């Protein structure tokens, strides 16, 4: 069953070129397919905002580009797993043991004869 809605027909006609552009942006087939799906979803959801007779190509490409930029921003905000963090960020080495050890060394040195110090 082929759609008769002009908006859906235009969207279907643009899919091959949108897929190629998505591949150019993502350089990954799976990511490009996800981007294309997200773009199609957003376009169908915003179909009431499109005015027939205007430049559909520019409108749909803008949606794809903005979806790609949004996905990059989301990826930047994703925190690193705690296993991947360097150890010096997870905690600070405590100084208590060093202080006790230094006191013990000083006490042991005081028991030595001056010639051995």
PDB file of N, CA and C in Angstrom:
ATOM      1  N   UNK A   1       0.849  -1.174   0.000  1.00  0.00           N
ATOM      2  CA  UNK A   1       0.000   0.000   0.000  1.00  0.00           C
ATOM      3  C   UNK A   1       0.894   1.236   0.000  1.00  0.00           C
ATOM      4  N   UNK A   2       0.777   2.032  -1.020  1.00  0.00           N
ATOM      5  CA  UNK A   2       1.596   3.229  -1.175  1.00  0.00           C
ATOM      6  C   UNK A   2       0.858   4.430  -0.581  1.00  0.00           C
ATOM      7  N   UNK A   3       1.555   5.260   0.203  1.00  0.00           N
ATOM      8  CA  UNK A   3       0.884   6.415   0.817  1.00  0.00           C
ATOM      9  C   UNK A   3       0.465   7.436  -0.235  1.00  0.00           C
ATOM     10  N   UNK A   4      -0.652   8.085   0.040  1.00  0.00           N
ATOM     11  CA  UNK A   4      -1.154   9.107  -0.883  1.00  0.00           C
ATOM     12  C   UNK A   4      -0.954  10.511  -0.331  1.00  0.00           C
ATOM     13  N   UNK A   5      -0.537  10.606   0.907  1.00  0.00           N
ATOM     14  CA  UNK A   5      -0.292  11.889   1.547  1.00  0.00           C
ATOM     15  C   UNK A   5       0.940  12.537   0.904  1.00  0.00           C
ATOM     16  N   UNK A   6       0.848  13.783   0.412  1.00  0.00           N
ATOM     17  CA  UNK A   6       1.992  14.420  -0.261  1.00  0.00           C
ATOM     18  C   UNK A   6       3.217  14.569   0.653  1.00  0.00           C
ATOM     19  N   UNK A   7       2.994  14.848   1.924  1.00  0.00           N
ATOM     20  CA  UNK A   7       4.110  14.996   2.858  1.00  0.00           C
ATOM     21  C   UNK A   7       4.874  13.684   2.982  1.00  0.00           C
ATOM     22  N   UNK A   8       4.158  12.586   3.159  1.00  0.00           N
ATOM     23  CA  UNK A   8       4.795  11.279   3.305  1.00  0.00           C
ATOM     24  C   UNK A   8       5.508  10.881   2.020  1.00  0.00           C
ATOM     25  N   UNK A   9       4.934  11.185   0.896  1.00  0.00           N
ATOM     26  CA  UNK A   9       5.566  10.883  -0.391  1.00  0.00           C
ATOM     27  C   UNK A   9       6.888  11.638  -0.527  1.00  0.00           C
ATOM     28  N   UNK A  10       6.881  12.930  -0.177  1.00  0.00           N
ATOM     29  CA  UNK A  10       8.122  13.709  -0.245  1.00  0.00           C
ATOM     30  C   UNK A  10       9.176  13.132   0.703  1.00  0.00           C
ATOM     31  N   UNK A  11       8.760  12.746   1.893  1.00  0.00           N
ATOM     32  CA  UNK A  11       9.700  12.185   2.866  1.00  0.00           C
ATOM     33  C   UNK A  11      10.320  10.901   2.328  1.00  0.00           C
ATOM     34  N   UNK A  12       9.509  10.024   1.765  1.00  0.00           N
ATOM     35  CA  UNK A  12      10.008   8.756   1.226  1.00  0.00           C
ATOM     36  C   UNK A  12      10.971   9.004   0.066  1.00  0.00           C
ATOM     37  N   UNK A  13      10.653   9.986  -0.770  1.00  0.00           N
ATOM     38  CA  UNK A  13      11.523  10.296  -1.908  1.00  0.00           C
ATOM     39  C   UNK A  13      12.890  10.814  -1.447  1.00  0.00           C
ATOM     40  N   UNK A  14      12.946  11.468  -0.314  1.00  0.00           N
ATOM     41  CA  UNK A  14      14.202  12.043   0.179  1.00  0.00           C
ATOM     42  C   UNK A  14      15.039  11.056   0.996  1.00  0.00           C
ATOM     43  N   UNK A  15      14.494   9.942   1.375  1.00  0.00           N
ATOM     44  CA  UNK A  15      15.206   9.006   2.248  1.00  0.00           C
ATOM     45  C   UNK A  15      16.566   8.551   1.709  1.00  0.00           C
ATOM     46  N   UNK A  16      16.704   8.181   0.422  1.00  0.00           N
ATOM     47  CA  UNK A  16      18.032   7.755  -0.043  1.00  0.00           C
ATOM     48  C   UNK A  16      19.097   8.848   0.089  1.00  0.00           C
ATOM     49  N   UNK A  17      18.755  10.089  -0.234  1.00  0.00           N
ATOM     50  CA  UNK A  17      19.722  11.187  -0.111  1.00  0.00           C
ATOM     51  C   UNK A  17      19.997  11.528   1.360  1.00  0.00           C
ATOM     52  N   UNK A  18      18.966  11.438   2.173  1.00  0.00           N
ATOM     53  CA  UNK A  18      19.162  11.671   3.609  1.00  0.00           C
ATOM     54  C   UNK A  18      20.068  10.599   4.214  1.00  0.00           C
ATOM     55  N   UNK A  19      19.895   9.355   3.758  1.00  0.00           N
ATOM     56  CA  UNK A  19      20.740   8.262   4.251  1.00  0.00           C
ATOM     57  C   UNK A  19      22.197   8.526   3.879  1.00  0.00           C
ATOM     58  N   UNK A  20      22.438   8.974   2.656  1.00  0.00           N
ATOM     59  CA  UNK A  20      23.809   9.267   2.220  1.00  0.00           C
ATOM     60  C   UNK A  20      24.406  10.411   3.043  1.00  0.00           C
ATOM     61  N   UNK A  21      23.617  11.434   3.318  1.00  0.00           N
ATOM     62  CA  UNK A  21      24.108  12.557   4.121  1.00  0.00           C
ATOM     63  C   UNK A  21      24.373  12.121   5.563  1.00  0.00           C
ATOM     64  N   UNK A  22      23.503  11.266   6.085  1.00  0.00           N
ATOM     65  CA  UNK A  22      23.702  10.756   7.445  1.00  0.00           C
ATOM     66  C   UNK A  22      24.982   9.925   7.518  1.00  0.00           C
ATOM     67  N   UNK A  23      25.269   9.152   6.488  1.00  0.00           N
ATOM     68  CA  UNK A  23      26.523   8.382   6.442  1.00  0.00           C
ATOM     69  C   UNK A  23      27.726   9.321   6.407  1.00  0.00           C
ATOM     70  N   UNK A  24      27.602  10.428   5.696  1.00  0.00           N
ATOM     71  CA  UNK A  24      28.682  11.408   5.629  1.00  0.00           C
ATOM     72  C   UNK A  24      28.940  12.007   7.011  1.00  0.00           C
ATOM     73  N   UNK A  25      27.886  12.288   7.740  1.00  0.00           N
ATOM     74  CA  UNK A  25      28.040  12.891   9.058  1.00  0.00           C
ATOM     75  C   UNK A  25      28.569  11.910  10.095  1.00  0.00           C
ATOM     76  N   UNK A  26      28.008  10.716  10.136  1.00  0.00           N
ATOM     77  CA  UNK A  26      28.329   9.771  11.206  1.00  0.00           C
ATOM     78  C   UNK A  26      29.497   8.848  10.885  1.00  0.00           C
ATOM     79  N   UNK A  27      29.690   8.530   9.613  1.00  0.00           N
ATOM     80  CA  UNK A  27      30.731   7.588   9.164  1.00  0.00           C
ATOM     81  C   UNK A  27      30.555   6.213   9.802  1.00  0.00           C
ATOM     82  N   UNK A  28      29.307   5.872  10.068  1.00  0.00           N
ATOM     83  CA  UNK A  28      28.978   4.598  10.685  1.00  0.00           C
ATOM     84  C   UNK A  28      27.574   4.225  10.221  1.00  0.00           C
ATOM     85  N   UNK A  29      27.441   3.038   9.630  1.00  0.00           N
ATOM     86  CA  UNK A  29      26.158   2.636   9.037  1.00  0.00           C
ATOM     87  C   UNK A  29      25.040   2.561  10.077  1.00  0.00           C
ATOM     88  N   UNK A  30      25.313   1.959  11.215  1.00  0.00           N
ATOM     89  CA  UNK A  30      24.281   1.823  12.254  1.00  0.00           C
ATOM     90  C   UNK A  30      23.884   3.192  12.804  1.00  0.00           C
ATOM     91  N   UNK A  31      24.863   4.053  13.043  1.00  0.00           N
ATOM     92  CA  UNK A  31      24.560   5.401  13.544  1.00  0.00           C
ATOM     93  C   UNK A  31      23.789   6.197  12.506  1.00  0.00           C
ATOM     94  N   UNK A  32      24.120   6.004  11.233  1.00  0.00           N
ATOM     95  CA  UNK A  32      23.410   6.713  10.162  1.00  0.00           C
ATOM     96  C   UNK A  32      21.950   6.264  10.092  1.00  0.00           C
ATOM     97  N   UNK A  33      21.719   4.962  10.240  1.00  0.00           N
ATOM     98  CA  UNK A  33      20.339   4.463  10.230  1.00  0.00           C
ATOM     99  C   UNK A  33      19.552   4.997  11.420  1.00  0.00           C
ATOM    100  N   UNK A  34      20.191   5.055  12.585  1.00  0.00           N
ATOM    101  CA  UNK A  34      19.531   5.619  13.774  1.00  0.00           C
ATOM    102  C   UNK A  34      19.205   7.098  13.557  1.00  0.00           C
ATOM    103  N   UNK A  35      20.147   7.820  12.975  1.00  0.00           N
ATOM    104  CA  UNK A  35      19.935   9.238  12.706  1.00  0.00           C
ATOM    105  C   UNK A  35      18.805   9.433  11.702  1.00  0.00           C
ATOM    106  N   UNK A  36      18.756   8.599  10.682  1.00  0.00           N
ATOM    107  CA  UNK A  36      17.691   8.680   9.683  1.00  0.00           C
ATOM    108  C   UNK A  36      16.330   8.377  10.307  1.00  0.00           C
ATOM    109  N   UNK A  37      16.294   7.388  11.171  1.00  0.00           N
ATOM    110  CA  UNK A  37      15.039   7.054  11.843  1.00  0.00           C
ATOM    111  C   UNK A  37      14.581   8.202  12.747  1.00  0.00           C
ATOM    112  N   UNK A  38      15.515   8.770  13.489  1.00  0.00           N
ATOM    113  CA  UNK A  38      15.191   9.895  14.363  1.00  0.00           C
ATOM    114  C   UNK A  38      14.700  11.092  13.549  1.00  0.00           C
ATOM    115  N   UNK A  39      15.342  11.339  12.421  1.00  0.00           N
ATOM    116  CA  UNK A  39      14.941  12.448  11.548  1.00  0.00           C
ATOM    117  C   UNK A  39      13.537  12.230  11.002  1.00  0.00           C
ATOM    118  N   UNK A  40      13.265  11.009  10.555  1.00  0.00           N
ATOM    119  CA  UNK A  40      11.930  10.703  10.017  1.00  0.00           C
ATOM    120  C   UNK A  40      10.864  10.873  11.097  1.00  0.00           C
ATOM    121  N   UNK A  41      11.177  10.414  12.299  1.00  0.00           N
ATOM    122  CA  UNK A  41      10.230  10.543  13.410  1.00  0.00           C
ATOM    123  C   UNK A  41       9.951  12.013  13.710  1.00  0.00           C
ATOM    124  N   UNK A  42      11.016  12.812  13.783  1.00  0.00           N
ATOM    125  CA  UNK A  42      10.848  14.235  14.087  1.00  0.00           C
ATOM    126  C   UNK A  42      10.087  14.955  12.976  1.00  0.00           C
ATOM    127  N   UNK A  43      10.364  14.581  11.731  1.00  0.00           N
ATOM    128  CA  UNK A  43       9.665  15.214  10.604  1.00  0.00           C
ATOM    129  C   UNK A  43       8.177  14.869  10.631  1.00  0.00           C
ATOM    130  N   UNK A  44       7.864  13.614  10.881  1.00  0.00           N
ATOM    131  CA  UNK A  44       6.454  13.223  10.939  1.00  0.00           C
ATOM    132  C   UNK A  44       5.748  13.871  12.127  1.00  0.00           C
ATOM    133  N   UNK A  45       6.452  14.010  13.219  1.00  0.00           N
ATOM    134  CA  UNK A  45       5.862  14.645  14.400  1.00  0.00           C
ATOM    135  C   UNK A  45       5.622  16.138  14.169  1.00  0.00           C
ATOM    136  N   UNK A  46       6.476  16.768  13.345  1.00  0.00           N
ATOM    137  CA  UNK A  46       6.373  18.211  13.108  1.00  0.00           C
ATOM    138  C   UNK A  46       5.759  18.532  11.746  1.00  0.00           C
ATOM    139  N   UNK A  47       5.067  17.594  11.167  1.00  0.00           N
ATOM    140  CA  UNK A  47       4.519  17.801   9.821  1.00  0.00           C
ATOM    141  C   UNK A  47       3.558  18.992   9.762  1.00  0.00           C
ATOM    142  N   UNK A  48       2.912  19.325  10.863  1.00  0.00           N
ATOM    143  CA  UNK A  48       1.996  20.471  10.880  1.00  0.00           C
ATOM    144  C   UNK A  48       2.753  21.794  10.783  1.00  0.00           C
ATOM    145  N   UNK A  49       4.022  21.797  11.125  1.00  0.00           N
ATOM    146  CA  UNK A  49       4.826  23.016  11.073  1.00  0.00           C
ATOM    147  C   UNK A  49       5.371  23.281   9.672  1.00  0.00           C
ATOM    148  N   UNK A  50       5.318  22.287   8.792  1.00  0.00           N
ATOM    149  CA  UNK A  50       5.807  22.468   7.435  1.00  0.00           C
ATOM    150  C   UNK A  50       4.702  23.062   6.568  1.00  0.00           C
ATOM    151  N   UNK A  51       5.054  24.074   5.789  1.00  0.00           N
ATOM    152  CA  UNK A  51       4.104  24.699   4.882  1.00  0.00           C
ATOM    153  C   UNK A  51       4.316  24.133   3.483  1.00  0.00           C
ATOM    154  N   UNK A  52       3.284  23.494   2.950  1.00  0.00           N
ATOM    155  CA  UNK A  52       3.393  22.918   1.605  1.00  0.00           C
ATOM    156  C   UNK A  52       3.705  24.031   0.606  1.00  0.00           C
ATOM    157  N   UNK A  53       4.552  23.714  -0.347  1.00  0.00           N
ATOM    158  CA  UNK A  53       4.954  24.697  -1.343  1.00  0.00           C
ATOM    159  C   UNK A  53       6.284  25.359  -1.014  1.00  0.00           C
ATOM    160  N   UNK A  54       6.772  25.163   0.214  1.00  0.00           N
ATOM    161  CA  UNK A  54       8.084  25.701   0.572  1.00  0.00           C
ATOM    162  C   UNK A  54       9.135  24.619   0.329  1.00  0.00           C
ATOM    163  N   UNK A  55      10.368  24.923   0.622  1.00  0.00           N
ATOM    164  CA  UNK A  55      11.488  24.030   0.319  1.00  0.00           C
ATOM    165  C   UNK A  55      11.557  22.879   1.327  1.00  0.00           C
ATOM    166  N   UNK A  56      10.983  21.744   0.950  1.00  0.00           N
ATOM    167  CA  UNK A  56      10.968  20.574   1.820  1.00  0.00           C
ATOM    168  C   UNK A  56      12.377  20.029   2.033  1.00  0.00           C
ATOM    169  N   UNK A  57      13.194  20.064   0.994  1.00  0.00           N
ATOM    170  CA  UNK A  57      14.554  19.533   1.094  1.00  0.00           C
ATOM    171  C   UNK A  57      15.349  20.255   2.181  1.00  0.00           C
ATOM    172  N   UNK A  58      15.315  21.560   2.171  1.00  0.00           N
ATOM    173  CA  UNK A  58      16.040  22.337   3.181  1.00  0.00           C
ATOM    174  C   UNK A  58      15.479  22.046   4.571  1.00  0.00           C
ATOM    175  N   UNK A  59      14.179  21.921   4.679  1.00  0.00           N
ATOM    176  CA  UNK A  59      13.525  21.678   5.964  1.00  0.00           C
ATOM    177  C   UNK A  59      13.947  20.337   6.544  1.00  0.00           C
ATOM    178  N   UNK A  60      13.932  19.288   5.735  1.00  0.00           N
ATOM    179  CA  UNK A  60      14.245  17.946   6.230  1.00  0.00           C
ATOM    180  C   UNK A  60      15.745  17.794   6.519  1.00  0.00           C
ATOM    181  N   UNK A  61      16.579  18.441   5.695  1.00  0.00           N
ATOM    182  CA  UNK A  61      18.020  18.390   5.946  1.00  0.00           C
ATOM    183  C   UNK A  61      18.371  19.132   7.238  1.00  0.00           C
ATOM    184  N   UNK A  62      17.666  20.203   7.516  1.00  0.00           N
ATOM    185  CA  UNK A  62      17.899  20.944   8.763  1.00  0.00           C
ATOM    186  C   UNK A  62      17.543  20.069   9.967  1.00  0.00           C
ATOM    187  N   UNK A  63      16.457  19.322   9.862  1.00  0.00           N
ATOM    188  CA  UNK A  63      16.068  18.415  10.944  1.00  0.00           C
ATOM    189  C   UNK A  63      17.149  17.362  11.152  1.00  0.00           C
ATOM    190  N   UNK A  64      17.660  16.784  10.063  1.00  0.00           N
ATOM    191  CA  UNK A  64      18.698  15.768  10.172  1.00  0.00           C
ATOM    192  C   UNK A  64      19.960  16.339  10.812  1.00  0.00           C
ATOM    193  N   UNK A  65      20.378  17.506  10.347  1.00  0.00           N
ATOM    194  CA  UNK A  65      21.593  18.129  10.884  1.00  0.00           C
ATOM    195  C   UNK A  65      21.441  18.459  12.367  1.00  0.00           C
ATOM    196  N   UNK A  66      20.298  19.017  12.752  1.00  0.00           N
ATOM    197  CA  UNK A  66      20.060  19.346  14.162  1.00  0.00           C
ATOM    198  C   UNK A  66      19.992  18.088  15.030  1.00  0.00           C
ATOM    199  N   UNK A  67      19.426  17.008  14.498  1.00  0.00           N
ATOM    200  CA  UNK A  67      19.388  15.747  15.237  1.00  0.00           C
ATOM    201  C   UNK A  67      20.797  15.217  15.462  1.00  0.00           C
ATOM    202  N   UNK A  68      21.639  15.347  14.436  1.00  0.00           N
ATOM    203  CA  UNK A  68      23.023  14.896  14.559  1.00  0.00           C
ATOM    204  C   UNK A  68      23.765  15.708  15.621  1.00  0.00           C
ATOM    205  N   UNK A  69      23.603  17.025  15.594  1.00  0.00           N
ATOM    206  CA  UNK A  69      24.271  17.888  16.576  1.00  0.00           C
ATOM    207  C   UNK A  69      23.767  17.579  17.984  1.00  0.00           C
ATOM    208  N   UNK A  70      22.477  17.348  18.127  1.00  0.00           N
ATOM    209  CA  UNK A  70      21.922  17.008  19.447  1.00  0.00           C
ATOM    210  C   UNK A  70      22.495  15.691  19.958  1.00  0.00           C
ATOM    211  N   UNK A  71      22.672  14.725  19.068  1.00  0.00           N
ATOM    212  CA  UNK A  71      23.235  13.442  19.499  1.00  0.00           C
ATOM    213  C   UNK A  71      24.689  13.600  19.934  1.00  0.00           C
ATOM    214  N   UNK A  72      25.443  14.472  19.275  1.00  0.00           N
ATOM    215  CA  UNK A  72      26.823  14.733  19.695  1.00  0.00           C
ATOM    216  C   UNK A  72      26.861  15.383  21.070  1.00  0.00           C
ATOM    217  N   UNK A  73      25.965  16.312  21.310  1.00  0.00           N
ATOM    218  CA  UNK A  73      25.920  16.970  22.615  1.00  0.00           C
ATOM    219  C   UNK A  73      25.534  16.001  23.717  1.00  0.00           C
ATOM    220  N   UNK A  74      24.582  15.108  23.414  1.00  0.00           N
ATOM    221  CA  UNK A  74      24.189  14.100  24.400  1.00  0.00           C
ATOM    222  C   UNK A  74      25.359  13.179  24.719  1.00  0.00           C
ATOM    223  N   UNK A  75      26.126  12.828  23.707  1.00  0.00           N
ATOM    224  CA  UNK A  75      27.267  11.933  23.911  1.00  0.00           C
ATOM    225  C   UNK A  75      28.340  12.595  24.770  1.00  0.00           C
ATOM    226  N   UNK A  76      28.501  13.913  24.641  1.00  0.00           N
ATOM    227  CA  UNK A  76      29.494  14.620  25.449  1.00  0.00           C
ATOM    228  C   UNK A  76      29.104  14.640  26.923  1.00  0.00           C
ATOM    229  N   UNK A  77      27.804  14.705  27.187  1.00  0.00           N
ATOM    230  CA  UNK A  77      27.335  14.803  28.569  1.00  0.00           C
ATOM    231  C   UNK A  77      27.316  13.457  29.288  1.00  0.00           C
ATOM    232  N   UNK A  78      27.481  12.371  28.567  1.00  0.00           N
ATOM    233  CA  UNK A  78      27.436  11.061  29.185  1.00  0.00           C
ATOM    234  C   UNK A  78      28.666  10.887  30.072  1.00  0.00           C
ATOM    235  N   UNK A  79      28.470  10.647  31.354  1.00  0.00           N
ATOM    236  CA  UNK A  79      29.622  10.517  32.253  1.00  0.00           C
ATOM    237  C   UNK A  79      30.370   9.208  32.009  1.00  0.00           C
ATOM    238  N   UNK A  80      31.649   9.216  32.329  1.00  0.00           N
ATOM    239  CA  UNK A  80      32.458   8.008  32.219  1.00  0.00           C
ATOM    240  C   UNK A  80      32.067   7.031  33.321  1.00  0.00           C
ATOM    241  N   UNK A  81      32.116   5.747  33.021  1.00  0.00           N
ATOM    242  CA  UNK A  81      31.898   4.776  34.092  1.00  0.00           C
ATOM    243  C   UNK A  81      33.000   4.912  35.138  1.00  0.00           C
ATOM    244  N   UNK A  82      32.678   4.586  36.363  1.00  0.00           N
ATOM    245  CA  UNK A  82      33.636   4.780  37.454  1.00  0.00           C
ATOM    246  C   UNK A  82      34.870   3.904  37.269  1.00  0.00           C
ATOM    247  N   UNK A  83      34.740   2.792  36.562  1.00  0.00           N
ATOM    248  CA  UNK A  83      35.894   1.919  36.336  1.00  0.00           C
ATOM    249  C   UNK A  83      36.921   2.554  35.407  1.00  0.00           C
ATOM    250  N   UNK A  84      36.486   3.491  34.557  1.00  0.00           N
ATOM    251  CA  UNK A  84      37.384   4.124  33.598  1.00  0.00           C
ATOM    252  C   UNK A  84      38.074   5.371  34.139  1.00  0.00           C
ATOM    253  N   UNK A  85      37.711   5.806  35.328  1.00  0.00           N
ATOM    254  CA  UNK A  85      38.309   7.013  35.893  1.00  0.00           C
ATOM    255  C   UNK A  85      39.688   6.719  36.465  1.00  0.00           C
ATOM    256  N   UNK A  86      40.606   7.668  36.369  1.00  0.00           N
ATOM    257  CA  UNK A  86      41.917   7.478  36.993  1.00  0.00           C
ATOM    258  C   UNK A  86      41.777   7.401  38.515  1.00  0.00           C
ATOM    259  N   UNK A  87      42.662   6.628  39.136  1.00  0.00           N
ATOM    260  CA  UNK A  87      42.566   6.411  40.584  1.00  0.00           C
ATOM    261  C   UNK A  87      42.732   7.693  41.390  1.00  0.00           C
ATOM    262  N   UNK A  88      43.548   8.629  40.896  1.00  0.00           N
ATOM    263  CA  UNK A  88      43.777   9.852  41.680  1.00  0.00           C
ATOM    264  C   UNK A  88      42.523  10.732  41.747  1.00  0.00           C
ATOM    265  N   UNK A  89      41.534  10.491  40.883  1.00  0.00           N
ATOM    266  CA  UNK A  89      40.284  11.248  40.968  1.00  0.00           C
ATOM    267  C   UNK A  89      39.298  10.626  41.953  1.00  0.00           C
ATOM    268  N   UNK A  90      39.488   9.363  42.241  1.00  0.00           N
ATOM    269  CA  UNK A  90      38.545   8.665  43.109  1.00  0.00           C
ATOM    270  C   UNK A  90      38.799   8.920  44.591  1.00  0.00           C
ATOM    271  N   UNK A  91      40.020   9.183  44.945  1.00  0.00           N
ATOM    272  CA  UNK A  91      40.313   9.422  46.353  1.00  0.00           C
ATOM    273  C   UNK A  91      41.704   9.996  46.515  1.00  0.00           C
ATOM    274  N   UNK A  92      41.948  10.478  47.697  1.00  0.00           N
ATOM    275  CA  UNK A  92      43.240  11.080  48.010  1.00  0.00           C
ATOM    276  C   UNK A  92      43.984  10.148  48.945  1.00  0.00           C
ATOM    277  N   UNK A  93      45.252  10.020  48.720  1.00  0.00           N
ATOM    278  CA  UNK A  93      46.071   9.189  49.581  1.00  0.00           C
ATOM    279  C   UNK A  93      46.110   9.832  50.970  1.00  0.00           C
ATOM    280  N   UNK A  94      45.886   9.029  51.971  1.00  0.00           N
ATOM    281  CA  UNK A  94      45.853   9.584  53.322  1.00  0.00           C
ATOM    282  C   UNK A  94      47.278   9.824  53.842  1.00  0.00           C
ATOM    283  N   UNK A  95      47.400  10.846  54.685  1.00  0.00           N
ATOM    284  CA  UNK A  95      48.703  11.230  55.227  1.00  0.00           C
ATOM    285  C   UNK A  95      48.954  10.653  56.615  1.00  0.00           C
ATOM    286  N   UNK A  96      47.952  10.055  57.247  1.00  0.00           N
ATOM    287  CA  UNK A  96      48.107   9.589  58.616  1.00  0.00           C
ATOM    288  C   UNK A  96      49.209   8.541  58.737  1.00  0.00           C
ATOM    289  N   UNK A  97      49.252   7.608  57.821  1.00  0.00           N
ATOM    290  CA  UNK A  97      50.270   6.562  57.897  1.00  0.00           C
ATOM    291  C   UNK A  97      51.665   7.152  57.736  1.00  0.00           C
ATOM    292  N   UNK A  98      51.805   8.129  56.833  1.00  0.00           N
ATOM    293  CA  UNK A  98      53.109   8.771  56.642  1.00  0.00           C
ATOM    294  C   UNK A  98      53.564   9.496  57.899  1.00  0.00           C
ATOM    295  N   UNK A  99      52.653  10.153  58.572  1.00  0.00           N
ATOM    296  CA  UNK A  99      52.996  10.893  59.791  1.00  0.00           C
ATOM    297  C   UNK A  99      53.471   9.928  60.876  1.00  0.00           C
ATOM    298  N   UNK A 100      52.740   8.817  61.055  1.00  0.00           N
ATOM    299  CA  UNK A 100      53.115   7.820  62.066  1.00  0.00           C
ATOM    300  C   UNK A 100      54.465   7.210  61.718  1.00  0.00           C
ATOM    301  N   UNK A 101      54.670   6.870  60.452  1.00  0.00           N
ATOM    302  CA  UNK A 101      55.928   6.285  60.021  1.00  0.00           C
ATOM    303  C   UNK A 101      57.095   7.249  60.234  1.00  0.00           C
ATOM    304  N   UNK A 102      56.897   8.524  59.915  1.00  0.00           N
ATOM    305  CA  UNK A 102      57.956   9.527  60.130  1.00  0.00           C
ATOM    306  C   UNK A 102      58.308   9.654  61.615  1.00  0.00           C
ATOM    307  N   UNK A 103      57.320   9.637  62.493  1.00  0.00           N
ATOM    308  CA  UNK A 103      57.586   9.713  63.937  1.00  0.00           C
ATOM    309  C   UNK A 103      58.396   8.502  64.405  1.00  0.00           C
ATOM    310  N   UNK A 104      58.029   7.323  63.919  1.00  0.00           N
ATOM    311  CA  UNK A 104      58.748   6.114  64.304  1.00  0.00           C
ATOM    312  C   UNK A 104      60.198   6.153  63.812  1.00  0.00           C
ATOM    313  N   UNK A 105      60.421   6.676  62.624  1.00  0.00           N
ATOM    314  CA  UNK A 105      61.783   6.781  62.096  1.00  0.00           C
ATOM    315  C   UNK A 105      62.606   7.757  62.924  1.00  0.00           C
ATOM    316  N   UNK A 106      62.011   8.899  63.276  1.00  0.00           N
ATOM    317  CA  UNK A 106      62.729   9.895  64.091  1.00  0.00           C
ATOM    318  C   UNK A 106      63.067   9.311  65.458  1.00  0.00           C
ATOM    319  N   UNK A 107      62.125   8.603  66.077  1.00  0.00           N
ATOM    320  CA  UNK A 107      62.378   7.983  67.383  1.00  0.00           C
ATOM    321  C   UNK A 107      63.485   6.936  67.283  1.00  0.00           C
ATOM    322  N   UNK A 108      63.474   6.142  66.218  1.00  0.00           N
ATOM    323  CA  UNK A 108      64.504   5.123  66.046  1.00  0.00           C
ATOM    324  C   UNK A 108      65.865   5.760  65.805  1.00  0.00           C
ATOM    325  N   UNK A 109      65.900   6.860  65.091  1.00  0.00           N
ATOM    326  CA  UNK A 109      67.177   7.542  64.838  1.00  0.00           C
ATOM    327  C   UNK A 109      67.725   8.168  66.113  1.00  0.00           C
ATOM    328  N   UNK A 110      66.852   8.611  67.001  1.00  0.00           N
ATOM    329  CA  UNK A 110      67.303   9.206  68.263  1.00  0.00           C
ATOM    330  C   UNK A 110      67.952   8.176  69.179  1.00  0.00           C
ATOM    331  N   UNK A 111      67.609   6.917  69.003  1.00  0.00           N
ATOM    332  CA  UNK A 111      68.209   5.869  69.841  1.00  0.00           C
ATOM    333  C   UNK A 111      69.587   5.467  69.332  1.00  0.00           C
ATOM    334  N   UNK A 112      69.933   5.871  68.124  1.00  0.00           N
ATOM    335  CA  UNK A 112      71.240   5.548  67.563  1.00  0.00           C
ATOM    336  C   UNK A 112      72.319   6.444  68.161  1.00  0.00           C
ATOM    337  N   UNK A 113      73.548   5.941  68.131  1.00  0.00           N
ATOM    338  CA  UNK A 113      74.678   6.754  68.551  1.00  0.00           C
ATOM    339  C   UNK A 113      74.880   7.857  67.539  1.00  0.00           C
ATOM    340  N   UNK A 114      75.402   9.012  67.917  1.00  0.00           N
ATOM    341  CA  UNK A 114      75.609  10.125  67.007  1.00  0.00           C
ATOM    342  C   UNK A 114      76.439   9.770  65.779  1.00  0.00           C
ATOM    343  N   UNK A 115      77.376   8.875  65.894  1.00  0.00           N
ATOM    344  CA  UNK A 115      78.210   8.508  64.740  1.00  0.00           C
ATOM    345  C   UNK A 115      77.423   7.715  63.712  1.00  0.00           C
ATOM    346  N   UNK A 116      76.350   7.047  64.157  1.00  0.00           N
ATOM    347  CA  UNK A 116      75.547   6.240  63.227  1.00  0.00           C
ATOM    348  C   UNK A 116      74.385   7.048  62.597  1.00  0.00           C
ATOM    349  N   UNK A 117      74.139   8.189  63.198  1.00  0.00           N
ATOM    350  CA  UNK A 117      73.058   9.008  62.652  1.00  0.00           C
ATOM    351  C   UNK A 117      73.537   9.604  61.380  1.00  0.00           C
TER     352      UNK A 117
END
